[in-house]
Structures are given as C-alpha cells and as structure tokens.
Protein backbone atom coordinates (compact mmCIF):
# COMPACT_ATOMS: atom_id res chain seq x y z
CA MET A 1 139.81 127.09 74.13
CA VAL A 2 137.03 125.72 76.36
CA ASP A 3 136.74 121.94 76.43
CA ASP A 4 133.19 120.67 76.15
CA MET A 5 131.73 117.43 77.45
CA LYS A 6 128.36 115.73 77.52
CA ARG A 7 126.20 116.07 80.64
CA VAL A 8 122.57 115.53 81.59
CA SER A 9 120.89 118.81 82.50
CA PHE A 10 117.44 120.33 83.06
CA ALA A 11 116.37 123.93 82.48
CA GLU A 12 112.96 123.72 84.17
CA PHE A 13 111.43 121.65 86.97
CA GLY A 14 109.14 118.83 85.90
CA GLY A 15 108.86 115.22 84.82
CA PRO A 16 111.60 113.02 83.33
CA ASP A 17 111.07 114.66 79.93
CA VAL A 18 112.80 117.87 81.13
CA LEU A 19 116.15 116.01 81.17
CA ARG A 20 118.42 116.79 78.22
CA LEU A 21 121.83 115.48 77.16
CA VAL A 22 123.74 118.68 76.37
CA ASP A 23 127.23 119.98 75.62
CA ALA A 24 128.59 121.69 78.72
CA GLU A 25 131.85 123.21 79.85
CA GLU A 26 134.08 120.75 81.69
CA PRO A 27 134.24 121.36 85.46
CA HIS A 28 137.61 121.63 87.21
CA ALA A 29 138.77 120.50 90.65
CA GLY A 30 138.88 123.33 93.18
CA PRO A 31 140.68 123.24 96.55
CA GLY A 32 139.88 120.04 98.44
CA GLN A 33 138.33 118.37 95.38
CA VAL A 34 139.24 115.88 92.68
CA ARG A 35 137.88 115.60 89.17
CA ILE A 36 137.12 112.22 87.68
CA ALA A 37 136.48 110.90 84.21
CA VAL A 38 133.11 109.40 85.15
CA ARG A 39 132.62 105.69 84.46
CA ALA A 40 129.26 105.36 86.23
CA ALA A 41 126.83 107.50 88.27
CA GLY A 42 124.36 106.23 90.86
CA VAL A 43 120.65 106.92 90.34
CA ASN A 44 119.08 108.06 93.64
CA PRO A 45 115.51 109.13 94.49
CA VAL A 46 116.94 112.52 95.55
CA ASP A 47 117.93 113.06 91.89
CA TRP A 48 114.34 113.08 90.66
CA ARG A 49 113.02 114.85 93.75
CA ILE A 50 115.40 117.73 92.94
CA ARG A 51 114.38 117.58 89.25
CA GLU A 52 110.72 117.90 90.26
CA GLY A 53 111.55 120.93 92.44
CA GLN A 54 110.55 119.23 95.71
CA PHE A 55 113.49 120.74 97.61
CA GLN A 56 113.39 124.31 96.24
CA LYS A 57 112.08 125.74 99.53
CA VAL A 58 114.79 124.04 101.57
CA HIS A 59 117.77 123.94 99.17
CA PRO A 60 117.11 126.23 96.20
CA ILE A 61 119.16 125.52 93.05
CA GLU A 62 119.75 127.65 89.99
CA LEU A 63 118.67 126.43 86.56
CA PRO A 64 119.88 125.01 84.27
CA ALA A 65 121.28 122.38 86.62
CA GLY A 66 123.09 119.07 86.31
CA VAL A 67 121.88 115.81 87.85
CA GLY A 68 123.39 113.21 90.17
CA GLN A 69 125.68 113.14 93.19
CA ASP A 70 127.20 109.63 93.35
CA ALA A 71 129.88 108.57 90.89
CA SER A 72 132.84 106.31 90.26
CA GLY A 73 135.67 106.88 87.84
CA VAL A 74 139.33 107.63 87.22
CA VAL A 75 140.94 110.67 88.87
CA ASP A 76 142.24 113.08 86.23
CA GLU A 77 142.66 116.32 88.22
CA VAL A 78 143.66 116.82 91.85
CA GLY A 79 142.72 120.09 93.53
CA GLU A 80 144.87 122.24 95.81
CA GLY A 81 145.47 120.88 99.29
CA VAL A 82 144.48 117.32 98.39
CA ASP A 83 146.84 114.47 99.25
CA GLY A 84 146.59 110.70 99.34
CA VAL A 85 145.17 110.46 95.84
CA GLU A 86 146.73 110.87 92.42
CA VAL A 87 145.81 111.02 88.74
CA GLY A 88 144.87 107.54 87.52
CA ASP A 89 143.42 106.29 90.84
CA HIS A 90 140.06 104.50 90.69
CA VAL A 91 137.72 106.16 93.18
CA PHE A 92 134.05 106.41 94.13
CA GLY A 93 132.35 109.18 96.02
CA GLU A 94 130.03 112.15 96.10
CA GLY A 95 130.01 115.33 94.07
CA SER A 96 127.64 117.20 91.80
CA SER A 97 126.32 116.91 88.22
CA ALA A 98 127.53 113.30 88.15
CA TYR A 99 125.52 112.23 85.07
CA ALA A 100 128.32 113.57 82.86
CA GLU A 101 131.60 112.66 81.21
CA PHE A 102 133.54 114.53 83.92
CA ALA A 103 132.50 115.38 87.48
CA VAL A 104 134.07 117.02 90.52
CA LEU A 105 133.96 115.04 93.77
CA SER A 106 134.07 116.63 97.22
CA ALA A 107 134.36 113.27 99.06
CA TRP A 108 135.88 110.06 97.73
CA ALA A 109 137.64 106.82 98.58
CA ARG A 110 139.71 104.35 96.61
CA MET A 111 137.56 101.58 95.17
CA PRO A 112 137.95 98.25 97.00
CA GLU A 113 139.46 95.33 95.08
CA GLY A 114 137.03 93.39 92.94
CA LEU A 115 134.41 96.14 92.67
CA THR A 116 133.34 97.26 89.19
CA PHE A 117 132.80 100.94 88.39
CA GLU A 118 129.07 100.21 87.94
CA GLU A 119 128.80 98.63 91.39
CA ALA A 120 130.95 101.30 93.06
CA ALA A 121 128.73 104.14 91.80
CA GLY A 122 125.80 102.60 93.68
CA TYR A 123 127.29 102.84 97.17
CA PRO A 124 128.07 106.39 98.43
CA SER A 125 124.68 107.95 99.26
CA VAL A 126 122.94 104.72 100.20
CA VAL A 127 125.66 103.69 102.66
CA GLU A 128 125.81 107.18 104.19
CA THR A 129 122.02 107.17 104.56
CA ALA A 130 121.90 103.63 105.99
CA LEU A 131 124.60 104.39 108.59
CA ARG A 132 122.94 107.70 109.54
CA ILE A 133 119.41 106.34 110.03
CA LEU A 134 120.61 103.26 111.93
CA GLY A 135 122.29 105.72 114.31
CA GLU A 136 119.28 108.03 114.53
CA VAL A 137 116.78 105.26 115.23
CA GLY A 138 119.03 103.99 118.05
CA VAL A 139 118.78 100.26 117.36
CA ARG A 140 121.37 98.04 119.06
CA SER A 141 122.79 94.53 118.87
CA GLY A 142 120.23 91.95 120.03
CA GLN A 143 117.25 94.14 119.06
CA THR A 144 114.84 93.83 116.13
CA LEU A 145 114.49 96.48 113.43
CA LEU A 146 111.64 96.73 110.93
CA ALA A 147 112.64 98.10 107.51
CA SER A 148 109.61 99.09 105.43
CA GLY A 149 110.37 98.99 101.70
CA ALA A 150 113.64 97.13 102.18
CA SER A 151 114.69 95.91 98.73
CA GLY A 152 116.08 99.16 97.26
CA GLY A 153 119.58 100.55 97.63
CA VAL A 154 119.25 101.98 101.16
CA GLY A 155 117.33 98.90 102.32
CA SER A 156 119.97 96.57 100.89
CA ALA A 157 122.64 98.48 102.84
CA VAL A 158 120.56 98.69 106.06
CA LEU A 159 119.91 94.93 106.09
CA GLN A 160 123.57 94.00 105.68
CA ILE A 161 125.02 96.62 108.05
CA ALA A 162 122.44 95.73 110.72
CA ARG A 163 123.23 92.03 110.32
CA ASP A 164 126.95 92.80 110.77
CA ARG A 165 126.05 94.60 114.02
CA GLY A 166 124.01 91.72 115.45
CA ILE A 167 120.61 93.35 114.81
CA THR A 168 117.70 91.23 113.58
CA VAL A 169 115.87 92.83 110.66
CA ILE A 170 112.31 92.24 109.48
CA GLY A 171 112.04 93.60 105.94
CA THR A 172 108.90 94.30 103.90
CA ALA A 173 108.97 94.23 100.10
CA GLY A 174 106.90 93.02 97.16
CA ALA A 175 106.34 89.31 96.58
CA ALA A 176 109.05 89.20 93.88
CA ASN A 177 111.73 90.44 96.30
CA GLN A 178 111.15 88.10 99.28
CA ASP A 179 114.01 85.75 98.40
CA TYR A 180 116.29 88.74 97.79
CA LEU A 181 115.61 90.06 101.32
CA ARG A 182 116.26 86.61 102.80
CA SER A 183 119.56 86.40 100.88
CA LEU A 184 120.64 89.55 102.76
CA GLY A 185 119.83 87.99 106.12
CA ALA A 186 116.42 89.55 106.74
CA VAL A 187 113.21 87.96 107.94
CA ALA A 188 111.03 88.84 104.95
CA THR A 189 107.32 89.56 104.60
CA THR A 190 105.15 91.28 102.02
CA TYR A 191 103.51 94.67 102.37
CA GLY A 192 99.88 95.22 101.39
CA GLU A 193 96.73 94.29 103.25
CA GLY A 194 97.33 92.63 106.62
CA TRP A 195 101.05 93.45 106.72
CA VAL A 196 100.96 94.86 110.27
CA GLU A 197 99.54 91.59 111.58
CA ARG A 198 102.13 89.59 109.60
CA VAL A 199 104.92 91.64 111.19
CA ARG A 200 103.40 91.23 114.67
CA GLN A 201 103.49 87.46 114.26
CA LEU A 202 107.22 87.65 113.55
CA GLY A 203 107.94 89.16 116.95
CA ARG A 204 108.49 92.37 118.85
CA VAL A 205 109.73 95.41 116.92
CA ASP A 206 112.18 97.69 118.77
CA ALA A 207 112.64 100.29 116.01
CA ALA A 208 111.45 100.95 112.46
CA LEU A 209 112.66 102.67 109.29
CA ASP A 210 110.38 103.98 106.54
CA LEU A 211 112.45 103.67 103.37
CA ALA A 212 109.74 103.92 100.71
CA GLY A 213 107.33 106.64 101.85
CA SER A 214 104.28 104.49 101.18
CA GLY A 215 102.10 106.07 103.90
CA VAL A 216 102.96 103.63 106.70
CA ILE A 217 104.14 106.01 109.46
CA ARG A 218 101.10 105.48 111.73
CA GLU A 219 101.49 101.70 111.52
CA LEU A 220 105.23 101.88 112.26
CA VAL A 221 104.52 104.00 115.34
CA GLU A 222 101.86 101.48 116.38
CA LEU A 223 104.31 98.55 115.97
CA THR A 224 107.15 100.19 117.91
CA GLY A 225 104.90 101.94 120.44
CA ASP A 226 106.96 105.14 120.23
CA PRO A 227 107.27 107.74 117.45
CA ARG A 228 110.85 108.39 118.57
CA LYS A 229 111.70 104.80 117.56
CA VAL A 230 110.75 105.48 113.92
CA VAL A 231 112.77 107.34 111.27
CA SER A 232 111.68 108.11 107.70
CA ILE A 233 113.80 109.05 104.69
CA ALA A 234 110.86 109.20 102.31
CA ASP A 235 107.78 110.75 103.92
CA LEU A 236 108.03 114.53 104.26
CA ASP A 237 104.88 114.52 106.44
CA ALA A 238 106.42 112.19 109.06
CA PRO A 239 107.10 115.03 111.57
CA GLU A 240 103.33 115.68 111.79
CA LEU A 241 103.10 112.30 113.55
CA GLY A 242 106.11 112.98 115.79
CA VAL A 243 108.46 110.94 113.61
CA ARG A 244 111.88 112.17 112.57
CA PHE A 245 112.43 112.83 108.86
CA SER A 246 116.11 112.28 108.18
CA GLY A 247 117.32 114.47 105.36
CA VAL A 248 120.61 116.02 106.47
CA ALA A 249 123.63 113.99 105.40
CA GLY A 250 126.36 113.14 107.86
CA SER A 251 130.06 112.75 107.08
CA MET A 252 130.51 111.25 103.61
CA PRO A 253 134.26 110.55 104.08
CA ASP A 254 133.43 108.51 107.21
CA ALA A 255 130.63 106.67 105.38
CA LEU A 256 132.92 105.84 102.44
CA ALA A 257 135.61 104.54 104.80
CA GLU A 258 133.02 102.31 106.49
CA ALA A 259 131.73 101.16 103.08
CA VAL A 260 135.25 100.18 102.01
CA ASP A 261 135.71 98.23 105.26
CA LEU A 262 132.36 96.39 104.94
CA ILE A 263 132.90 95.60 101.23
CA SER A 264 136.47 94.41 101.86
CA ARG A 265 135.27 92.13 104.67
CA GLY A 266 132.61 90.64 102.38
CA LYS A 267 129.82 92.02 104.61
CA LEU A 268 128.25 94.38 102.05
CA HIS A 269 127.33 93.84 98.42
CA ILE A 270 124.68 95.86 96.60
CA PRO A 271 123.84 94.45 93.17
CA VAL A 272 123.19 96.64 90.12
CA GLU A 273 119.71 95.86 88.85
CA LYS A 274 119.95 97.90 85.67
CA SER A 275 122.36 100.19 83.81
CA TYR A 276 121.49 103.08 81.49
CA THR A 277 123.45 105.34 79.13
CA LEU A 278 123.58 109.13 79.64
CA ALA A 279 120.99 109.43 76.84
CA GLU A 280 118.68 107.11 78.83
CA ALA A 281 118.70 109.22 82.03
CA ALA A 282 114.96 109.94 81.74
CA ALA A 283 114.22 106.19 81.59
CA ALA A 284 116.41 105.67 84.67
CA HIS A 285 114.33 108.27 86.56
CA ILE A 286 111.03 106.74 85.40
CA ASP A 287 112.15 103.32 86.66
CA SER A 288 113.49 104.73 89.93
CA GLN A 289 110.22 106.56 90.61
CA ALA A 290 108.23 103.39 89.92
CA GLY A 291 109.97 101.71 92.87
CA HIS A 292 110.30 97.94 93.39
CA THR A 293 114.04 98.23 92.79
CA ARG A 294 116.24 95.34 93.83
CA GLY A 295 119.59 96.90 94.65
CA ARG A 296 120.73 99.81 92.49
CA ARG A 297 120.30 101.56 89.14
CA VAL A 298 123.27 103.32 87.55
CA VAL A 299 124.03 105.50 84.55
CA VAL A 300 127.11 104.28 82.69
CA VAL A 301 129.36 106.70 80.81
C-alpha cells in the first residue's frame, strides 16, 4: 500500500496559478538523507523563478515538479550511512519539494534552542547565500559594504553577519523598512531618485551587493569604482557589465553550522513577516514576487 500525502506541485511553467495542492506519494530517505514531517517551508525567490521556467536552460527539471527547498520539521526516517541524528529530532535544512507534508533533506542541522519551526524554515538558503556573497565580494572588517534591496531574507542575514564581522553596511530599502534596517545595525537610506547621491553622502563604498535585481548594476559599479567589487544574486544580466552573478550554492552543511552558531550567540535573527498554508502557496509566491519583504515568508504545514 502506497502512503499518500499532500504536496504543492506544478505540471506546466507559468504564473502562480499553475501551483496545485495534490495527493502525491510520500518520499523516502535515501543514503545520506533524512526525511522530515514538515512543519514549515521557506519561501524563496528561486522557488518562483523555477516555477516560471527561468532556469530550464541551466538546470532543467522534469514536470510535474514539487516546490521549495528550505524546511524545518521532525525527523521521521534516517537514511543509510547517516549518524548524529535520530527519529524525533527537530531539524532545519535543505532538500526538495519542501511545500509538502513530508520532505527529504540532503543537508540539515539541529534547530537551536528557542527557535520556532516557522522561524527555522526561513534560514537555510538565505544564510548560505549571505555567507557566499560576502566571501565573493571580498569585503573585510573595517570596510563599508552597500547592500541594495536589503530588507528581505538575504539582506537581513547579510546585515547581521557583516555587523558581527566588523563591516559597516549601508542598506537601501523602501521608506517603510528604514527603521527595520537600522534595527539590524545598518546605515539606512531609501532607493528611488537620487539614491546614488544619498549613498555618496554616507561615505566611501568598498563593495556592493545587488540583492533585489532592480536594475542598479551600473550605479553599484560607479559607487565602488570596480565591477569586481560588485556581486548580484538577482540580475541575470550582471555579467554583461563585468559583474559576477552568484548562483552556485556553496556548502549547505557549513552554512547551517554557521547559522546555528550565529543564532545561538544572539547575532542573527530573521523575523517571519507572513505565514501561509499549503493551499495558499500561490499567494505566497505573489507576495514574494512583489518584493518589499521584511524578513521571511514561510508556508506552514
């Protein structure tokens, strides 16, 4: 007898309306994996970029496909060759088809004390991305980093990790998120007309990150004076201007270990702005695509 579960799936590429909540066969943990009863799944821009078919040329997927890579939950199956974790442990990490009642994780860590499942689901990809791009852009203690579009999940992580490393961060965001950026230790300013001049008045910029893909690559190069001092995670055309587009993930186990350390030391907290049910996955994608997020959005199972 095959056990069925609910999962969010899409059978064609397109807008949020292609997402369906369907009955699917439960996945099982293979070698080096664990399966969790999902409590929450993180909503990431990569989820809707895949759903739209943006990555088909680079990473083709077969349809129908599940959605989501970040999740938190309770371990209920441990694959061959896995030690240090057992059934019943509360973990968060990265896997596939995470908007579902059960998901298989390929990288995970025990949840730090005091973290809710909803919060935990918001960390894996954004912390990995933040650590990776801070490394790639080569910014060091005592220098100043500009983060364009800084109030979302990756921005929230970048600001706090940079602060912990002694890096000054200037963050741009909408008017409604200025106090939020300041609460994370950033020097905040708004984007929109005249933003380059506003940043200039705040001081020299040693490196810059494009987190929102709002067509600012030329200005970031102008502010840093060097395309090699700019990294984008959101503008696929960045390489045309000599700027690195960072899309290849580094080590998730290392990133999760660092996340646990930062959270446990009280140096990293990413708030959940809004939660959705599995049936509301399309609404979660619509809101994520609209931007202006403060912290994270998660799907709760």
